[in-house]
């Protein structure tokens, strides 16, 4: 696939509340949040190659935006 065009912020080791606060701060700092994807580490994705993780997250983000669904996360 090799489609890594997009913006992605990846979190590791944050609590749910810390992640939500961080996402809100990033959205304020960077503006247009519809073009910005967020991800957190999970036991399974910790072993993924970075390129594979970026492609997967951005593909899911595009699919949610294309279907008219709002990506999960803070407003």
C-alpha atoms as a PDB file:
ATOM      1  CA  UNK A   1       0.000   0.000   0.000  1.00  0.00           C
ATOM      2  CA  UNK A   2       2.657   2.524   1.094  1.00  0.00           C
ATOM      3  CA  UNK A   3       0.268   5.442   1.612  1.00  0.00           C
ATOM      4  CA  UNK A   4       1.645   7.541   4.432  1.00  0.00           C
ATOM      5  CA  UNK A   5       0.372  10.938   3.267  1.00  0.00           C
ATOM      6  CA  UNK A   6      -1.355  12.573   6.202  1.00  0.00           C
ATOM      7  CA  UNK A   7      -0.861  13.807   9.733  1.00  0.00           C
ATOM      8  CA  UNK A   8      -0.726  11.397  12.650  1.00  0.00           C
ATOM      9  CA  UNK A   9      -0.047  11.889  16.343  1.00  0.00           C
ATOM     10  CA  UNK A  10       0.850   8.717  18.230  1.00  0.00           C
ATOM     11  CA  UNK A  11       0.659   8.392  22.022  1.00  0.00           C
ATOM     12  CA  UNK A  12       2.253   5.833  24.291  1.00  0.00           C
ATOM     13  CA  UNK A  13       1.934   5.432  28.032  1.00  0.00           C
ATOM     14  CA  UNK A  14      -0.798   8.020  28.554  1.00  0.00           C
ATOM     15  CA  UNK A  15      -3.949   7.393  30.520  1.00  0.00           C
ATOM     16  CA  UNK A  16      -7.256   7.863  28.721  1.00  0.00           C
ATOM     17  CA  UNK A  17      -7.709  11.274  30.388  1.00  0.00           C
ATOM     18  CA  UNK A  18      -4.174  12.367  29.523  1.00  0.00           C
ATOM     19  CA  UNK A  19      -4.662  11.285  25.904  1.00  0.00           C
ATOM     20  CA  UNK A  20      -7.910  13.249  25.605  1.00  0.00           C
ATOM     21  CA  UNK A  21      -6.256  16.359  27.052  1.00  0.00           C
ATOM     22  CA  UNK A  22      -3.294  15.962  24.712  1.00  0.00           C
ATOM     23  CA  UNK A  23      -5.564  15.490  21.662  1.00  0.00           C
ATOM     24  CA  UNK A  24      -7.485  18.638  22.527  1.00  0.00           C
ATOM     25  CA  UNK A  25      -4.261  20.617  22.908  1.00  0.00           C
ATOM     26  CA  UNK A  26      -2.874  19.333  19.591  1.00  0.00           C
ATOM     27  CA  UNK A  27      -6.123  20.167  17.782  1.00  0.00           C
ATOM     28  CA  UNK A  28      -6.016  23.714  19.148  1.00  0.00           C
ATOM     29  CA  UNK A  29      -2.368  24.117  18.178  1.00  0.00           C
ATOM     30  CA  UNK A  30      -2.698  22.683  14.657  1.00  0.00           C
ATOM     31  CA  UNK A  31      -6.190  23.756  13.658  1.00  0.00           C
ATOM     32  CA  UNK A  32      -8.126  21.685  11.100  1.00  0.00           C
ATOM     33  CA  UNK A  33      -8.633  18.467  13.022  1.00  0.00           C
ATOM     34  CA  UNK A  34     -10.381  16.628  10.162  1.00  0.00           C
ATOM     35  CA  UNK A  35      -6.976  16.084   8.554  1.00  0.00           C
ATOM     36  CA  UNK A  36      -5.348  14.930  11.775  1.00  0.00           C
ATOM     37  CA  UNK A  37      -5.396  11.329  12.995  1.00  0.00           C
ATOM     38  CA  UNK A  38      -4.584  10.118  16.489  1.00  0.00           C
ATOM     39  CA  UNK A  39      -3.511   6.708  17.714  1.00  0.00           C
ATOM     40  CA  UNK A  40      -2.403   5.126  20.941  1.00  0.00           C
ATOM     41  CA  UNK A  41      -0.140   2.177  21.481  1.00  0.00           C
ATOM     42  CA  UNK A  42      -1.753  -1.182  22.103  1.00  0.00           C
ATOM     43  CA  UNK A  43      -0.186  -4.520  22.978  1.00  0.00           C
ATOM     44  CA  UNK A  44      -0.584  -5.638  19.360  1.00  0.00           C
ATOM     45  CA  UNK A  45       0.583  -2.488  17.545  1.00  0.00           C
ATOM     46  CA  UNK A  46       3.743  -2.079  19.648  1.00  0.00           C
ATOM     47  CA  UNK A  47       5.372  -4.682  17.416  1.00  0.00           C
ATOM     48  CA  UNK A  48       4.268  -3.196  14.098  1.00  0.00           C
ATOM     49  CA  UNK A  49       6.669  -1.455  11.784  1.00  0.00           C
ATOM     50  CA  UNK A  50       6.170   2.301  11.942  1.00  0.00           C
ATOM     51  CA  UNK A  51       5.228   2.564   8.267  1.00  0.00           C
ATOM     52  CA  UNK A  52       2.625  -0.192   8.667  1.00  0.00           C
ATOM     53  CA  UNK A  53       1.115   1.525  11.711  1.00  0.00           C
ATOM     54  CA  UNK A  54       0.941   4.906   9.960  1.00  0.00           C
ATOM     55  CA  UNK A  55      -0.682   3.388   6.862  1.00  0.00           C
ATOM     56  CA  UNK A  56      -3.256   1.512   8.952  1.00  0.00           C
ATOM     57  CA  UNK A  57      -4.241   4.481  11.123  1.00  0.00           C
ATOM     58  CA  UNK A  58      -4.454   6.904   8.206  1.00  0.00           C
ATOM     59  CA  UNK A  59      -6.480   4.420   6.144  1.00  0.00           C
ATOM     60  CA  UNK A  60      -8.987   4.050   8.994  1.00  0.00           C
ATOM     61  CA  UNK A  61      -9.077   7.823   9.452  1.00  0.00           C
ATOM     62  CA  UNK A  62      -9.795   8.390   5.752  1.00  0.00           C
ATOM     63  CA  UNK A  63     -12.512   5.729   5.762  1.00  0.00           C
ATOM     64  CA  UNK A  64     -14.250   7.340   8.749  1.00  0.00           C
ATOM     65  CA  UNK A  65     -14.098  10.780   7.142  1.00  0.00           C
ATOM     66  CA  UNK A  66     -15.255   9.472   3.753  1.00  0.00           C
ATOM     67  CA  UNK A  67     -18.250   7.735   5.295  1.00  0.00           C
ATOM     68  CA  UNK A  68     -19.304  10.910   7.113  1.00  0.00           C
ATOM     69  CA  UNK A  69     -18.542   9.530  10.537  1.00  0.00           C
ATOM     70  CA  UNK A  70     -16.714  11.701  12.986  1.00  0.00           C
ATOM     71  CA  UNK A  71     -13.386  10.192  14.139  1.00  0.00           C
ATOM     72  CA  UNK A  72     -13.382   9.176  17.772  1.00  0.00           C
ATOM     73  CA  UNK A  73     -11.688  11.490  20.205  1.00  0.00           C
ATOM     74  CA  UNK A  74     -12.297  14.833  21.830  1.00  0.00           C
ATOM     75  CA  UNK A  75     -13.959  17.749  20.097  1.00  0.00           C
END
